[in-house]
Amino acid sequence: MTASMQTFLVLDDEPLIAMDLKYAFEDLDLHAVSAPDNEEALACIAKHDISGAILDVSLGGGETCQPTASELARRSIPFLLHTGDLDRVGERLRDIEAPVVAKPRPSDDVVKQLLAMIE
């Protein structure tokens, strides 16, 4: 599979952050889909051949990315956690084995870190 055929998932409940990450993928001629919650993220995983993902840990309303992270892990799809909530989500992070990139961070740096995991 060539890089241009890969699809990446962005799970973030903040529309501007999700859009910025999507644009960072597009700047590298890569395709990305985004979802604001687990329901849509799981639908994206079912619909697309996802090569990797960037997941926000806290999705609002007490929801975390755990269901999406579990499905990605089950499918052996690499992902990283992108969160600005490291102090509050520390306990939740222990249950999700993935690299953590703290917010704020330039979107192109976050995308490059995920791509480095895949290579």
N, C-alpha and C. Protein backbone atom coordinates (compact mmCIF):
# COMPACT_ATOMS: atom_id res chain seq x y z
N MET A 1 0.86 -1.19 0.00
CA MET A 1 0.00 0.00 0.00
C MET A 1 0.89 1.23 0.00
N THR A 2 0.66 2.14 -0.90
CA THR A 2 1.43 3.37 -0.94
C THR A 2 0.90 4.34 0.10
N ALA A 3 1.75 5.27 0.47
CA ALA A 3 1.36 6.24 1.51
C ALA A 3 0.11 7.01 1.10
N SER A 4 0.00 7.34 -0.18
CA SER A 4 -1.14 8.14 -0.61
C SER A 4 -2.46 7.38 -0.52
N MET A 5 -2.39 6.04 -0.41
CA MET A 5 -3.61 5.25 -0.31
C MET A 5 -4.02 5.01 1.14
N GLN A 6 -3.18 5.39 2.08
CA GLN A 6 -3.48 5.16 3.48
C GLN A 6 -4.52 6.15 3.98
N THR A 7 -5.31 5.69 4.95
CA THR A 7 -6.29 6.54 5.61
C THR A 7 -5.99 6.55 7.10
N PHE A 8 -6.04 7.72 7.69
CA PHE A 8 -5.75 7.89 9.10
C PHE A 8 -6.99 8.43 9.81
N LEU A 9 -7.12 8.09 11.08
CA LEU A 9 -8.25 8.50 11.89
C LEU A 9 -7.82 9.54 12.91
N VAL A 10 -8.60 10.59 13.04
CA VAL A 10 -8.42 11.60 14.08
C VAL A 10 -9.68 11.58 14.94
N LEU A 11 -9.51 11.26 16.22
CA LEU A 11 -10.63 11.28 17.17
C LEU A 11 -10.39 12.42 18.14
N ASP A 12 -11.18 13.47 18.01
CA ASP A 12 -11.05 14.63 18.90
C ASP A 12 -12.39 15.36 18.92
N ASP A 13 -12.85 15.71 20.10
CA ASP A 13 -14.14 16.39 20.23
C ASP A 13 -14.02 17.90 20.00
N GLU A 14 -12.81 18.40 19.84
CA GLU A 14 -12.61 19.82 19.56
C GLU A 14 -12.45 19.99 18.05
N PRO A 15 -13.46 20.57 17.38
CA PRO A 15 -13.45 20.64 15.91
C PRO A 15 -12.21 21.32 15.32
N LEU A 16 -11.72 22.36 15.95
CA LEU A 16 -10.56 23.06 15.39
C LEU A 16 -9.30 22.21 15.46
N ILE A 17 -9.13 21.46 16.53
CA ILE A 17 -7.97 20.58 16.64
C ILE A 17 -8.08 19.45 15.63
N ALA A 18 -9.26 18.85 15.52
CA ALA A 18 -9.47 17.76 14.55
C ALA A 18 -9.20 18.26 13.13
N MET A 19 -9.69 19.44 12.81
CA MET A 19 -9.49 20.00 11.47
C MET A 19 -8.00 20.26 11.22
N ASP A 20 -7.32 20.81 12.20
CA ASP A 20 -5.90 21.11 12.06
C ASP A 20 -5.09 19.83 11.83
N LEU A 21 -5.42 18.77 12.55
CA LEU A 21 -4.73 17.49 12.36
C LEU A 21 -5.04 16.91 10.98
N LYS A 22 -6.29 17.00 10.55
CA LYS A 22 -6.65 16.53 9.20
C LYS A 22 -5.85 17.27 8.14
N TYR A 23 -5.75 18.58 8.28
CA TYR A 23 -4.99 19.38 7.32
C TYR A 23 -3.52 18.99 7.33
N ALA A 24 -2.98 18.66 8.51
CA ALA A 24 -1.57 18.24 8.58
C ALA A 24 -1.35 16.95 7.78
N PHE A 25 -2.32 16.03 7.84
CA PHE A 25 -2.23 14.83 7.01
C PHE A 25 -2.31 15.21 5.53
N GLU A 26 -3.27 16.06 5.19
CA GLU A 26 -3.46 16.47 3.80
C GLU A 26 -2.23 17.19 3.25
N ASP A 27 -1.55 17.96 4.09
CA ASP A 27 -0.32 18.63 3.66
C ASP A 27 0.75 17.63 3.22
N LEU A 28 0.65 16.41 3.72
CA LEU A 28 1.58 15.35 3.35
C LEU A 28 0.98 14.43 2.28
N ASP A 29 -0.10 14.88 1.65
CA ASP A 29 -0.82 14.09 0.63
C ASP A 29 -1.34 12.77 1.17
N LEU A 30 -1.80 12.80 2.42
CA LEU A 30 -2.39 11.63 3.06
C LEU A 30 -3.86 11.91 3.35
N HIS A 31 -4.66 10.87 3.36
CA HIS A 31 -6.09 11.00 3.61
C HIS A 31 -6.38 10.77 5.09
N ALA A 32 -7.21 11.61 5.67
CA ALA A 32 -7.61 11.44 7.07
C ALA A 32 -9.10 11.63 7.21
N VAL A 33 -9.69 10.89 8.13
CA VAL A 33 -11.09 11.06 8.50
C VAL A 33 -11.11 11.45 9.97
N SER A 34 -12.14 12.19 10.37
CA SER A 34 -12.19 12.60 11.77
C SER A 34 -13.54 12.24 12.37
N ALA A 35 -13.51 12.12 13.68
CA ALA A 35 -14.71 11.78 14.44
C ALA A 35 -14.66 12.52 15.77
N PRO A 36 -15.83 13.01 16.26
CA PRO A 36 -15.87 13.71 17.54
C PRO A 36 -16.13 12.80 18.74
N ASP A 37 -16.49 11.53 18.47
CA ASP A 37 -16.82 10.62 19.56
C ASP A 37 -16.51 9.18 19.14
N ASN A 38 -16.63 8.27 20.09
CA ASN A 38 -16.32 6.87 19.82
C ASN A 38 -17.26 6.24 18.79
N GLU A 39 -18.51 6.58 18.84
CA GLU A 39 -19.47 6.00 17.90
C GLU A 39 -19.04 6.26 16.46
N GLU A 40 -18.73 7.52 16.16
CA GLU A 40 -18.31 7.86 14.80
C GLU A 40 -16.93 7.28 14.48
N ALA A 41 -16.05 7.27 15.47
CA ALA A 41 -14.71 6.71 15.24
C ALA A 41 -14.79 5.23 14.91
N LEU A 42 -15.62 4.50 15.64
CA LEU A 42 -15.77 3.06 15.37
C LEU A 42 -16.40 2.83 14.00
N ALA A 43 -17.30 3.71 13.59
CA ALA A 43 -17.89 3.62 12.26
C ALA A 43 -16.82 3.86 11.19
N CYS A 44 -15.92 4.81 11.44
CA CYS A 44 -14.83 5.08 10.49
C CYS A 44 -13.90 3.87 10.38
N ILE A 45 -13.62 3.23 11.50
CA ILE A 45 -12.75 2.05 11.49
C ILE A 45 -13.41 0.93 10.69
N ALA A 46 -14.72 0.79 10.83
CA ALA A 46 -15.44 -0.26 10.10
C ALA A 46 -15.50 0.04 8.60
N LYS A 47 -15.57 1.31 8.25
CA LYS A 47 -15.76 1.71 6.86
C LYS A 47 -14.45 1.83 6.08
N HIS A 48 -13.38 2.26 6.74
CA HIS A 48 -12.10 2.54 6.08
C HIS A 48 -11.02 1.57 6.53
N ASP A 49 -10.02 1.41 5.69
CA ASP A 49 -8.84 0.63 6.05
C ASP A 49 -7.88 1.60 6.75
N ILE A 50 -8.02 1.74 8.05
CA ILE A 50 -7.26 2.72 8.83
C ILE A 50 -5.83 2.23 9.04
N SER A 51 -4.87 3.11 8.74
CA SER A 51 -3.45 2.78 8.89
C SER A 51 -2.88 3.22 10.23
N GLY A 52 -3.51 4.21 10.86
CA GLY A 52 -3.04 4.73 12.13
C GLY A 52 -4.02 5.76 12.63
N ALA A 53 -3.89 6.14 13.90
CA ALA A 53 -4.86 7.06 14.48
C ALA A 53 -4.24 7.95 15.54
N ILE A 54 -4.84 9.12 15.68
CA ILE A 54 -4.51 10.06 16.74
C ILE A 54 -5.78 10.22 17.57
N LEU A 55 -5.69 9.91 18.86
CA LEU A 55 -6.85 9.91 19.73
C LEU A 55 -6.71 10.91 20.86
N ASP A 56 -7.70 11.76 21.02
CA ASP A 56 -7.81 12.59 22.22
C ASP A 56 -8.35 11.68 23.32
N VAL A 57 -7.82 11.79 24.51
CA VAL A 57 -8.24 10.90 25.59
C VAL A 57 -9.61 11.29 26.13
N SER A 58 -9.78 12.56 26.46
CA SER A 58 -11.04 13.04 27.05
C SER A 58 -11.91 13.64 25.96
N LEU A 59 -13.10 13.06 25.78
CA LEU A 59 -13.98 13.48 24.69
C LEU A 59 -15.20 14.25 25.17
N GLY A 60 -15.21 14.67 26.40
CA GLY A 60 -16.34 15.43 26.92
C GLY A 60 -17.42 14.52 27.48
N GLY A 61 -18.16 15.03 28.43
CA GLY A 61 -19.24 14.27 29.04
C GLY A 61 -18.78 13.02 29.76
N GLY A 62 -17.51 13.00 30.16
CA GLY A 62 -16.98 11.83 30.86
C GLY A 62 -16.55 10.71 29.93
N GLU A 63 -16.72 10.89 28.63
CA GLU A 63 -16.34 9.86 27.66
C GLU A 63 -14.83 9.91 27.40
N THR A 64 -14.21 8.75 27.29
CA THR A 64 -12.80 8.67 26.92
C THR A 64 -12.69 7.90 25.59
N CYS A 65 -11.49 7.87 25.07
CA CYS A 65 -11.25 7.19 23.80
C CYS A 65 -11.08 5.68 23.97
N GLN A 66 -11.29 5.15 25.16
CA GLN A 66 -11.03 3.73 25.44
C GLN A 66 -11.68 2.77 24.44
N PRO A 67 -12.97 2.91 24.08
CA PRO A 67 -13.55 1.96 23.11
C PRO A 67 -12.84 1.97 21.76
N THR A 68 -12.48 3.15 21.29
CA THR A 68 -11.77 3.26 20.02
C THR A 68 -10.37 2.69 20.15
N ALA A 69 -9.68 3.02 21.23
CA ALA A 69 -8.33 2.50 21.46
C ALA A 69 -8.35 0.97 21.52
N SER A 70 -9.34 0.42 22.17
CA SER A 70 -9.45 -1.05 22.27
C SER A 70 -9.64 -1.69 20.91
N GLU A 71 -10.48 -1.08 20.07
CA GLU A 71 -10.72 -1.63 18.73
C GLU A 71 -9.48 -1.51 17.86
N LEU A 72 -8.79 -0.39 17.95
CA LEU A 72 -7.55 -0.23 17.19
C LEU A 72 -6.52 -1.27 17.64
N ALA A 73 -6.38 -1.46 18.94
CA ALA A 73 -5.43 -2.45 19.46
C ALA A 73 -5.82 -3.86 19.01
N ARG A 74 -7.11 -4.16 19.03
CA ARG A 74 -7.58 -5.48 18.59
C ARG A 74 -7.21 -5.73 17.14
N ARG A 75 -7.23 -4.68 16.33
CA ARG A 75 -6.89 -4.80 14.91
C ARG A 75 -5.41 -4.56 14.63
N SER A 76 -4.63 -4.35 15.67
CA SER A 76 -3.18 -4.06 15.55
C SER A 76 -2.90 -2.83 14.70
N ILE A 77 -3.74 -1.81 14.86
CA ILE A 77 -3.55 -0.53 14.16
C ILE A 77 -2.84 0.42 15.12
N PRO A 78 -1.69 0.96 14.72
CA PRO A 78 -0.96 1.87 15.62
C PRO A 78 -1.72 3.17 15.87
N PHE A 79 -1.60 3.67 17.09
CA PHE A 79 -2.22 4.95 17.44
C PHE A 79 -1.44 5.60 18.54
N LEU A 80 -1.64 6.89 18.67
CA LEU A 80 -1.06 7.63 19.79
C LEU A 80 -2.15 8.46 20.45
N LEU A 81 -1.88 8.84 21.67
CA LEU A 81 -2.82 9.64 22.46
C LEU A 81 -2.36 11.08 22.43
N HIS A 82 -3.27 11.98 22.13
CA HIS A 82 -2.98 13.41 22.02
C HIS A 82 -3.88 14.11 23.02
N THR A 83 -3.32 14.53 24.14
CA THR A 83 -4.16 15.05 25.21
C THR A 83 -3.54 16.24 25.91
N GLY A 84 -4.37 17.16 26.32
CA GLY A 84 -3.94 18.29 27.13
C GLY A 84 -4.34 18.10 28.57
N ASP A 85 -4.77 16.91 28.88
CA ASP A 85 -5.39 16.60 30.16
C ASP A 85 -4.57 15.58 30.95
N LEU A 86 -3.23 15.65 30.84
CA LEU A 86 -2.40 14.60 31.42
C LEU A 86 -2.59 14.42 32.91
N ASP A 87 -2.78 15.51 33.65
CA ASP A 87 -2.95 15.38 35.10
C ASP A 87 -4.24 14.66 35.46
N ARG A 88 -5.33 15.02 34.79
CA ARG A 88 -6.63 14.44 35.14
C ARG A 88 -6.84 13.04 34.57
N VAL A 89 -6.18 12.71 33.48
CA VAL A 89 -6.45 11.42 32.85
C VAL A 89 -5.37 10.40 33.13
N GLY A 90 -4.48 10.69 34.04
CA GLY A 90 -3.38 9.77 34.34
C GLY A 90 -3.82 8.35 34.60
N GLU A 91 -4.87 8.18 35.38
CA GLU A 91 -5.38 6.83 35.67
C GLU A 91 -5.90 6.16 34.41
N ARG A 92 -6.59 6.90 33.58
CA ARG A 92 -7.15 6.34 32.34
C ARG A 92 -6.04 5.95 31.37
N LEU A 93 -4.95 6.72 31.37
CA LEU A 93 -3.86 6.44 30.44
C LEU A 93 -3.17 5.12 30.75
N ARG A 94 -3.17 4.72 31.99
CA ARG A 94 -2.51 3.47 32.36
C ARG A 94 -3.15 2.27 31.68
N ASP A 95 -4.43 2.36 31.38
CA ASP A 95 -5.13 1.25 30.74
C ASP A 95 -4.97 1.23 29.22
N ILE A 96 -4.40 2.28 28.66
CA ILE A 96 -4.23 2.38 27.21
C ILE A 96 -2.74 2.42 26.91
N GLU A 97 -2.23 1.36 26.32
CA GLU A 97 -0.81 1.32 26.01
C GLU A 97 -0.56 1.97 24.65
N ALA A 98 -0.12 3.22 24.70
CA ALA A 98 0.18 3.96 23.48
C ALA A 98 1.05 5.15 23.85
N PRO A 99 1.84 5.63 22.91
CA PRO A 99 2.61 6.85 23.17
C PRO A 99 1.67 8.02 23.43
N VAL A 100 2.13 8.95 24.26
CA VAL A 100 1.33 10.13 24.60
C VAL A 100 2.04 11.38 24.10
N VAL A 101 1.31 12.21 23.38
CA VAL A 101 1.81 13.51 22.92
C VAL A 101 0.94 14.56 23.61
N ALA A 102 1.58 15.41 24.39
CA ALA A 102 0.85 16.42 25.15
C ALA A 102 0.42 17.58 24.26
N LYS A 103 -0.80 18.06 24.49
CA LYS A 103 -1.28 19.30 23.87
C LYS A 103 -0.79 20.45 24.74
N PRO A 104 -0.54 21.60 24.20
CA PRO A 104 -0.56 21.91 22.77
C PRO A 104 0.72 21.45 22.10
N ARG A 105 0.59 21.05 20.88
CA ARG A 105 1.72 20.61 20.05
C ARG A 105 1.35 20.89 18.61
N PRO A 106 2.27 21.38 17.81
CA PRO A 106 1.94 21.62 16.40
C PRO A 106 1.43 20.34 15.74
N SER A 107 0.36 20.47 14.98
CA SER A 107 -0.27 19.30 14.37
C SER A 107 0.67 18.52 13.48
N ASP A 108 1.54 19.21 12.74
CA ASP A 108 2.46 18.48 11.88
C ASP A 108 3.43 17.63 12.69
N ASP A 109 3.81 18.07 13.89
CA ASP A 109 4.66 17.26 14.76
C ASP A 109 3.93 15.99 15.22
N VAL A 110 2.65 16.15 15.56
CA VAL A 110 1.86 15.01 16.03
C VAL A 110 1.73 13.98 14.90
N VAL A 111 1.41 14.45 13.71
CA VAL A 111 1.26 13.56 12.56
C VAL A 111 2.59 12.86 12.25
N LYS A 112 3.68 13.60 12.28
CA LYS A 112 4.99 13.00 11.99
C LYS A 112 5.35 11.94 13.02
N GLN A 113 4.96 12.15 14.27
CA GLN A 113 5.23 11.14 15.30
C GLN A 113 4.46 9.86 15.00
N LEU A 114 3.20 9.99 14.60
CA LEU A 114 2.41 8.80 14.26
C LEU A 114 3.02 8.10 13.05
N LEU A 115 3.39 8.85 12.03
CA LEU A 115 3.98 8.25 10.83
C LEU A 115 5.28 7.53 11.14
N ALA A 116 6.07 8.07 12.07
CA ALA A 116 7.31 7.41 12.48
C ALA A 116 7.02 6.07 13.15
N MET A 117 5.91 5.98 13.87
CA MET A 117 5.53 4.71 14.50
C MET A 117 5.20 3.64 13.46
N ILE A 118 4.66 4.07 12.33
CA ILE A 118 4.19 3.15 11.31
C ILE A 118 5.34 2.65 10.43
N GLU A 119 6.35 3.50 10.25
CA GLU A 119 7.45 3.14 9.35
C GLU A 119 8.29 2.04 9.87
